[in-house]
Amino acid sequence: MVDWKRFQVIIDYIEKSMALDKNITIQDIADRAKVSISTVSRVVNGTAPVASETRARVLQVIDELGYKP
């Protein structure tokens, strides 16, 4: 039986490791969070209202990928 939680932890670790080797872009964040580049920009810069669920999803992806604006 596959332990999916453990599998996800491993995938997350690999993705973070890969992020260290690649410059993460705002486009990467947008693609992964399934939002526009403008939405990611609004979240990062706090320039316009963004739905709380969307903001949380974008911030989670930023954390997962280790994005540094």
PDB file of N, CA and C in Angstrom:
ATOM      1  N   MET A   1       0.836  -1.178   0.000  1.00  0.00           N
ATOM      2  CA  MET A   1       0.000   0.000   0.000  1.00  0.00           C
ATOM      3  C   MET A   1       0.888   1.251   0.000  1.00  0.00           C
ATOM      4  N   VAL A   2       0.523   2.209  -0.792  1.00  0.00           N
ATOM      5  CA  VAL A   2       1.305   3.438  -0.924  1.00  0.00           C
ATOM      6  C   VAL A   2       0.895   4.427   0.162  1.00  0.00           C
ATOM      7  N   ASP A   3       1.892   4.967   0.841  1.00  0.00           N
ATOM      8  CA  ASP A   3       1.653   6.015   1.835  1.00  0.00           C
ATOM      9  C   ASP A   3       1.728   7.359   1.100  1.00  0.00           C
ATOM     10  N   TRP A   4       0.563   7.881   0.667  1.00  0.00           N
ATOM     11  CA  TRP A   4       0.515   9.060  -0.174  1.00  0.00           C
ATOM     12  C   TRP A   4       1.027  10.310   0.528  1.00  0.00           C
ATOM     13  N   LYS A   5       0.833  10.398   1.834  1.00  0.00           N
ATOM     14  CA  LYS A   5       1.350  11.573   2.550  1.00  0.00           C
ATOM     15  C   LYS A   5       2.876  11.585   2.510  1.00  0.00           C
ATOM     16  N   ARG A   6       3.471  10.434   2.711  1.00  0.00           N
ATOM     17  CA  ARG A   6       4.929  10.339   2.651  1.00  0.00           C
ATOM     18  C   ARG A   6       5.418  10.632   1.238  1.00  0.00           C
ATOM     19  N   PHE A   7       4.702  10.106   0.262  1.00  0.00           N
ATOM     20  CA  PHE A   7       5.035  10.355  -1.137  1.00  0.00           C
ATOM     21  C   PHE A   7       5.006  11.853  -1.429  1.00  0.00           C
ATOM     22  N   GLN A   8       3.994  12.563  -0.942  1.00  0.00           N
ATOM     23  CA  GLN A   8       3.883  14.001  -1.169  1.00  0.00           C
ATOM     24  C   GLN A   8       5.020  14.756  -0.497  1.00  0.00           C
ATOM     25  N   VAL A   9       5.419  14.324   0.684  1.00  0.00           N
ATOM     26  CA  VAL A   9       6.557  14.954   1.369  1.00  0.00           C
ATOM     27  C   VAL A   9       7.819  14.819   0.528  1.00  0.00           C
ATOM     28  N   ILE A  10       8.005  13.660  -0.067  1.00  0.00           N
ATOM     29  CA  ILE A  10       9.179  13.428  -0.913  1.00  0.00           C
ATOM     30  C   ILE A  10       9.118  14.318  -2.152  1.00  0.00           C
ATOM     31  N   ILE A  11       7.950  14.392  -2.781  1.00  0.00           N
ATOM     32  CA  ILE A  11       7.781  15.243  -3.968  1.00  0.00           C
ATOM     33  C   ILE A  11       8.061  16.703  -3.613  1.00  0.00           C
ATOM     34  N   ASP A  12       7.525  17.169  -2.484  1.00  0.00           N
ATOM     35  CA  ASP A  12       7.758  18.548  -2.047  1.00  0.00           C
ATOM     36  C   ASP A  12       9.244  18.812  -1.845  1.00  0.00           C
ATOM     37  N   TYR A  13       9.944  17.848  -1.240  1.00  0.00           N
ATOM     38  CA  TYR A  13      11.379  17.994  -1.011  1.00  0.00           C
ATOM     39  C   TYR A  13      12.126  18.109  -2.340  1.00  0.00           C
ATOM     40  N   ILE A  14      11.760  17.260  -3.289  1.00  0.00           N
ATOM     41  CA  ILE A  14      12.407  17.290  -4.602  1.00  0.00           C
ATOM     42  C   ILE A  14      12.143  18.620  -5.293  1.00  0.00           C
ATOM     43  N   GLU A  15      10.905  19.100  -5.229  1.00  0.00           N
ATOM     44  CA  GLU A  15      10.575  20.378  -5.861  1.00  0.00           C
ATOM     45  C   GLU A  15      11.350  21.528  -5.241  1.00  0.00           C
ATOM     46  N   LYS A  16      11.490  21.520  -3.922  1.00  0.00           N
ATOM     47  CA  LYS A  16      12.268  22.583  -3.269  1.00  0.00           C
ATOM     48  C   LYS A  16      13.734  22.496  -3.675  1.00  0.00           C
ATOM     49  N   SER A  17      14.262  21.271  -3.785  1.00  0.00           N
ATOM     50  CA  SER A  17      15.648  21.095  -4.207  1.00  0.00           C
ATOM     51  C   SER A  17      15.846  21.607  -5.620  1.00  0.00           C
ATOM     52  N   MET A  18      14.874  21.319  -6.490  1.00  0.00           N
ATOM     53  CA  MET A  18      14.964  21.785  -7.862  1.00  0.00           C
ATOM     54  C   MET A  18      14.880  23.302  -7.911  1.00  0.00           C
ATOM     55  N   ALA A  19      14.102  23.885  -7.021  1.00  0.00           N
ATOM     56  CA  ALA A  19      13.949  25.340  -6.999  1.00  0.00           C
ATOM     57  C   ALA A  19      15.284  26.017  -6.700  1.00  0.00           C
ATOM     58  N   LEU A  20      16.131  25.356  -5.957  1.00  0.00           N
ATOM     59  CA  LEU A  20      17.437  25.933  -5.647  1.00  0.00           C
ATOM     60  C   LEU A  20      18.316  26.004  -6.884  1.00  0.00           C
ATOM     61  N   ASP A  21      18.043  25.110  -7.848  1.00  0.00           N
ATOM     62  CA  ASP A  21      18.850  25.062  -9.059  1.00  0.00           C
ATOM     63  C   ASP A  21      18.282  25.934 -10.177  1.00  0.00           C
ATOM     64  N   LYS A  22      17.107  26.475  -9.985  1.00  0.00           N
ATOM     65  CA  LYS A  22      16.435  27.235 -11.029  1.00  0.00           C
ATOM     66  C   LYS A  22      15.904  28.527 -10.425  1.00  0.00           C
ATOM     67  N   ASN A  23      16.004  29.586 -11.174  1.00  0.00           N
ATOM     68  CA  ASN A  23      15.394  30.830 -10.720  1.00  0.00           C
ATOM     69  C   ASN A  23      13.894  30.719 -10.896  1.00  0.00           C
ATOM     70  N   ILE A  24      13.173  30.758  -9.802  1.00  0.00           N
ATOM     71  CA  ILE A  24      11.722  30.669  -9.841  1.00  0.00           C
ATOM     72  C   ILE A  24      11.188  32.022 -10.293  1.00  0.00           C
ATOM     73  N   THR A  25      10.275  31.983 -11.241  1.00  0.00           N
ATOM     74  CA  THR A  25       9.703  33.220 -11.772  1.00  0.00           C
ATOM     75  C   THR A  25       8.263  33.379 -11.305  1.00  0.00           C
ATOM     76  N   ILE A  26       7.757  34.576 -11.472  1.00  0.00           N
ATOM     77  CA  ILE A  26       6.367  34.847 -11.141  1.00  0.00           C
ATOM     78  C   ILE A  26       5.449  33.986 -12.027  1.00  0.00           C
ATOM     79  N   GLN A  27       5.910  33.679 -13.236  1.00  0.00           N
ATOM     80  CA  GLN A  27       5.139  32.801 -14.131  1.00  0.00           C
ATOM     81  C   GLN A  27       5.053  31.391 -13.558  1.00  0.00           C
ATOM     82  N   ASP A  28       6.138  30.894 -12.963  1.00  0.00           N
ATOM     83  CA  ASP A  28       6.125  29.573 -12.324  1.00  0.00           C
ATOM     84  C   ASP A  28       5.090  29.533 -11.204  1.00  0.00           C
ATOM     85  N   ILE A  29       5.066  30.587 -10.404  1.00  0.00           N
ATOM     86  CA  ILE A  29       4.103  30.664  -9.305  1.00  0.00           C
ATOM     87  C   ILE A  29       2.684  30.689  -9.848  1.00  0.00           C
ATOM     88  N   ALA A  30       2.454  31.529 -10.855  1.00  0.00           N
ATOM     89  CA  ALA A  30       1.120  31.653 -11.443  1.00  0.00           C
ATOM     90  C   ALA A  30       0.648  30.325 -12.028  1.00  0.00           C
ATOM     91  N   ASP A  31       1.520  29.649 -12.752  1.00  0.00           N
ATOM     92  CA  ASP A  31       1.153  28.365 -13.358  1.00  0.00           C
ATOM     93  C   ASP A  31       0.773  27.343 -12.293  1.00  0.00           C
ATOM     94  N   ARG A  32       1.594  27.254 -11.280  1.00  0.00           N
ATOM     95  CA  ARG A  32       1.361  26.252 -10.230  1.00  0.00           C
ATOM     96  C   ARG A  32       0.107  26.566  -9.409  1.00  0.00           C
ATOM     97  N   ALA A  33      -0.150  27.849  -9.157  1.00  0.00           N
ATOM     98  CA  ALA A  33      -1.319  28.255  -8.367  1.00  0.00           C
ATOM     99  C   ALA A  33      -2.580  28.372  -9.226  1.00  0.00           C
ATOM    100  N   LYS A  34      -2.395  28.238 -10.551  1.00  0.00           N
ATOM    101  CA  LYS A  34      -3.523  28.348 -11.496  1.00  0.00           C
ATOM    102  C   LYS A  34      -4.202  29.722 -11.415  1.00  0.00           C
ATOM    103  N   VAL A  35      -3.350  30.744 -11.426  1.00  0.00           N
ATOM    104  CA  VAL A  35      -3.818  32.136 -11.437  1.00  0.00           C
ATOM    105  C   VAL A  35      -2.994  32.903 -12.466  1.00  0.00           C
ATOM    106  N   SER A  36      -3.352  34.151 -12.664  1.00  0.00           N
ATOM    107  CA  SER A  36      -2.596  34.986 -13.606  1.00  0.00           C
ATOM    108  C   SER A  36      -1.344  35.558 -12.933  1.00  0.00           C
ATOM    109  N   ILE A  37      -0.436  36.013 -13.767  1.00  0.00           N
ATOM    110  CA  ILE A  37       0.755  36.696 -13.269  1.00  0.00           C
ATOM    111  C   ILE A  37       0.336  37.929 -12.472  1.00  0.00           C
ATOM    112  N   SER A  38      -0.699  38.623 -12.945  1.00  0.00           N
ATOM    113  CA  SER A  38      -1.179  39.817 -12.247  1.00  0.00           C
ATOM    114  C   SER A  38      -1.637  39.496 -10.828  1.00  0.00           C
ATOM    115  N   THR A  39      -2.296  38.351 -10.672  1.00  0.00           N
ATOM    116  CA  THR A  39      -2.757  37.961  -9.341  1.00  0.00           C
ATOM    117  C   THR A  39      -1.580  37.694  -8.414  1.00  0.00           C
ATOM    118  N   VAL A  40      -0.571  37.012  -8.916  1.00  0.00           N
ATOM    119  CA  VAL A  40       0.624  36.765  -8.096  1.00  0.00           C
ATOM    120  C   VAL A  40       1.253  38.096  -7.708  1.00  0.00           C
ATOM    121  N   SER A  41       1.341  39.005  -8.647  1.00  0.00           N
ATOM    122  CA  SER A  41       1.912  40.323  -8.374  1.00  0.00           C
ATOM    123  C   SER A  41       1.117  41.055  -7.300  1.00  0.00           C
ATOM    124  N   ARG A  42      -0.202  40.987  -7.389  1.00  0.00           N
ATOM    125  CA  ARG A  42      -1.048  41.646  -6.380  1.00  0.00           C
ATOM    126  C   ARG A  42      -0.818  41.067  -4.992  1.00  0.00           C
ATOM    127  N   VAL A  43      -0.663  39.747  -4.928  1.00  0.00           N
ATOM    128  CA  VAL A  43      -0.421  39.097  -3.628  1.00  0.00           C
ATOM    129  C   VAL A  43       0.939  39.522  -3.082  1.00  0.00           C
ATOM    130  N   VAL A  44       1.963  39.453  -3.912  1.00  0.00           N
ATOM    131  CA  VAL A  44       3.324  39.764  -3.475  1.00  0.00           C
ATOM    132  C   VAL A  44       3.459  41.223  -3.056  1.00  0.00           C
ATOM    133  N   ASN A  45       2.861  42.119  -3.841  1.00  0.00           N
ATOM    134  CA  ASN A  45       3.014  43.551  -3.588  1.00  0.00           C
ATOM    135  C   ASN A  45       1.910  44.156  -2.735  1.00  0.00           C
ATOM    136  N   GLY A  46       0.826  43.418  -2.543  1.00  0.00           N
ATOM    137  CA  GLY A  46      -0.288  43.933  -1.753  1.00  0.00           C
ATOM    138  C   GLY A  46      -0.929  45.158  -2.370  1.00  0.00           C
ATOM    139  N   THR A  47      -0.968  45.201  -3.716  1.00  0.00           N
ATOM    140  CA  THR A  47      -1.450  46.396  -4.391  1.00  0.00           C
ATOM    141  C   THR A  47      -2.947  46.413  -4.669  1.00  0.00           C
ATOM    142  N   ALA A  48      -3.602  45.271  -4.558  1.00  0.00           N
ATOM    143  CA  ALA A  48      -5.041  45.222  -4.845  1.00  0.00           C
ATOM    144  C   ALA A  48      -5.648  44.046  -4.091  1.00  0.00           C
ATOM    145  N   PRO A  49      -6.946  44.100  -3.859  1.00  0.00           N
ATOM    146  CA  PRO A  49      -7.600  42.999  -3.153  1.00  0.00           C
ATOM    147  C   PRO A  49      -7.535  41.692  -3.950  1.00  0.00           C
ATOM    148  N   VAL A  50      -7.314  40.618  -3.233  1.00  0.00           N
ATOM    149  CA  VAL A  50      -7.320  39.270  -3.814  1.00  0.00           C
ATOM    150  C   VAL A  50      -8.130  38.407  -2.859  1.00  0.00           C
ATOM    151  N   ALA A  51      -8.973  37.549  -3.402  1.00  0.00           N
ATOM    152  CA  ALA A  51      -9.789  36.664  -2.566  1.00  0.00           C
ATOM    153  C   ALA A  51      -8.892  35.876  -1.605  1.00  0.00           C
ATOM    154  N   SER A  52      -9.350  35.706  -0.388  1.00  0.00           N
ATOM    155  CA  SER A  52      -8.524  35.065   0.642  1.00  0.00           C
ATOM    156  C   SER A  52      -8.108  33.652   0.257  1.00  0.00           C
ATOM    157  N   GLU A  53      -8.983  32.906  -0.392  1.00  0.00           N
ATOM    158  CA  GLU A  53      -8.633  31.541  -0.823  1.00  0.00           C
ATOM    159  C   GLU A  53      -7.535  31.579  -1.887  1.00  0.00           C
ATOM    160  N   THR A  54      -7.651  32.505  -2.802  1.00  0.00           N
ATOM    161  CA  THR A  54      -6.647  32.654  -3.863  1.00  0.00           C
ATOM    162  C   THR A  54      -5.321  33.117  -3.268  1.00  0.00           C
ATOM    163  N   ARG A  55      -5.377  34.107  -2.376  1.00  0.00           N
ATOM    164  CA  ARG A  55      -4.159  34.593  -1.716  1.00  0.00           C
ATOM    165  C   ARG A  55      -3.455  33.444  -0.990  1.00  0.00           C
ATOM    166  N   ALA A  56      -4.218  32.627  -0.277  1.00  0.00           N
ATOM    167  CA  ALA A  56      -3.640  31.503   0.465  1.00  0.00           C
ATOM    168  C   ALA A  56      -2.970  30.514  -0.488  1.00  0.00           C
ATOM    169  N   ARG A  57      -3.623  30.244  -1.618  1.00  0.00           N
ATOM    170  CA  ARG A  57      -3.062  29.304  -2.593  1.00  0.00           C
ATOM    171  C   ARG A  57      -1.758  29.845  -3.172  1.00  0.00           C
ATOM    172  N   VAL A  58      -1.734  31.111  -3.522  1.00  0.00           N
ATOM    173  CA  VAL A  58      -0.517  31.722  -4.070  1.00  0.00           C
ATOM    174  C   VAL A  58       0.605  31.701  -3.029  1.00  0.00           C
ATOM    175  N   LEU A  59       0.292  32.073  -1.811  1.00  0.00           N
ATOM    176  CA  LEU A  59       1.315  32.073  -0.752  1.00  0.00           C
ATOM    177  C   LEU A  59       1.843  30.673  -0.473  1.00  0.00           C
ATOM    178  N   GLN A  60       0.978  29.679  -0.569  1.00  0.00           N
ATOM    179  CA  GLN A  60       1.410  28.299  -0.357  1.00  0.00           C
ATOM    180  C   GLN A  60       2.406  27.886  -1.440  1.00  0.00           C
ATOM    181  N   VAL A  61       2.107  28.226  -2.681  1.00  0.00           N
ATOM    182  CA  VAL A  61       3.013  27.894  -3.785  1.00  0.00           C
ATOM    183  C   VAL A  61       4.334  28.646  -3.634  1.00  0.00           C
ATOM    184  N   ILE A  62       4.257  29.893  -3.247  1.00  0.00           N
ATOM    185  CA  ILE A  62       5.480  30.675  -3.020  1.00  0.00           C
ATOM    186  C   ILE A  62       6.357  29.983  -1.979  1.00  0.00           C
ATOM    187  N   ASP A  63       5.724  29.522  -0.909  1.00  0.00           N
ATOM    188  CA  ASP A  63       6.472  28.826   0.149  1.00  0.00           C
ATOM    189  C   ASP A  63       7.026  27.485  -0.360  1.00  0.00           C
ATOM    190  N   GLU A  64       6.193  26.727  -1.060  1.00  0.00           N
ATOM    191  CA  GLU A  64       6.610  25.416  -1.560  1.00  0.00           C
ATOM    192  C   GLU A  64       7.822  25.519  -2.491  1.00  0.00           C
ATOM    193  N   LEU A  65       7.809  26.529  -3.344  1.00  0.00           N
ATOM    194  CA  LEU A  65       8.882  26.659  -4.321  1.00  0.00           C
ATOM    195  C   LEU A  65      10.048  27.501  -3.828  1.00  0.00           C
ATOM    196  N   GLY A  66       9.870  28.120  -2.661  1.00  0.00           N
ATOM    197  CA  GLY A  66      10.958  28.936  -2.115  1.00  0.00           C
ATOM    198  C   GLY A  66      11.197  30.206  -2.923  1.00  0.00           C
ATOM    199  N   TYR A  67      10.129  30.765  -3.460  1.00  0.00           N
ATOM    200  CA  TYR A  67      10.239  31.972  -4.286  1.00  0.00           C
ATOM    201  C   TYR A  67      10.688  33.162  -3.448  1.00  0.00           C
ATOM    202  N   LYS A  68      11.657  33.877  -3.981  1.00  0.00           N
ATOM    203  CA  LYS A  68      12.141  35.112  -3.354  1.00  0.00           C
ATOM    204  C   LYS A  68      11.975  36.240  -4.368  1.00  0.00           C
ATOM    205  N   PRO A  69      11.014  37.146  -4.134  1.00  0.00           N
ATOM    206  CA  PRO A  69      10.787  38.237  -5.100  1.00  0.00           C
ATOM    207  C   PRO A  69      11.989  39.166  -5.212  1.00  0.00           C
TER     208      PRO A  69
END
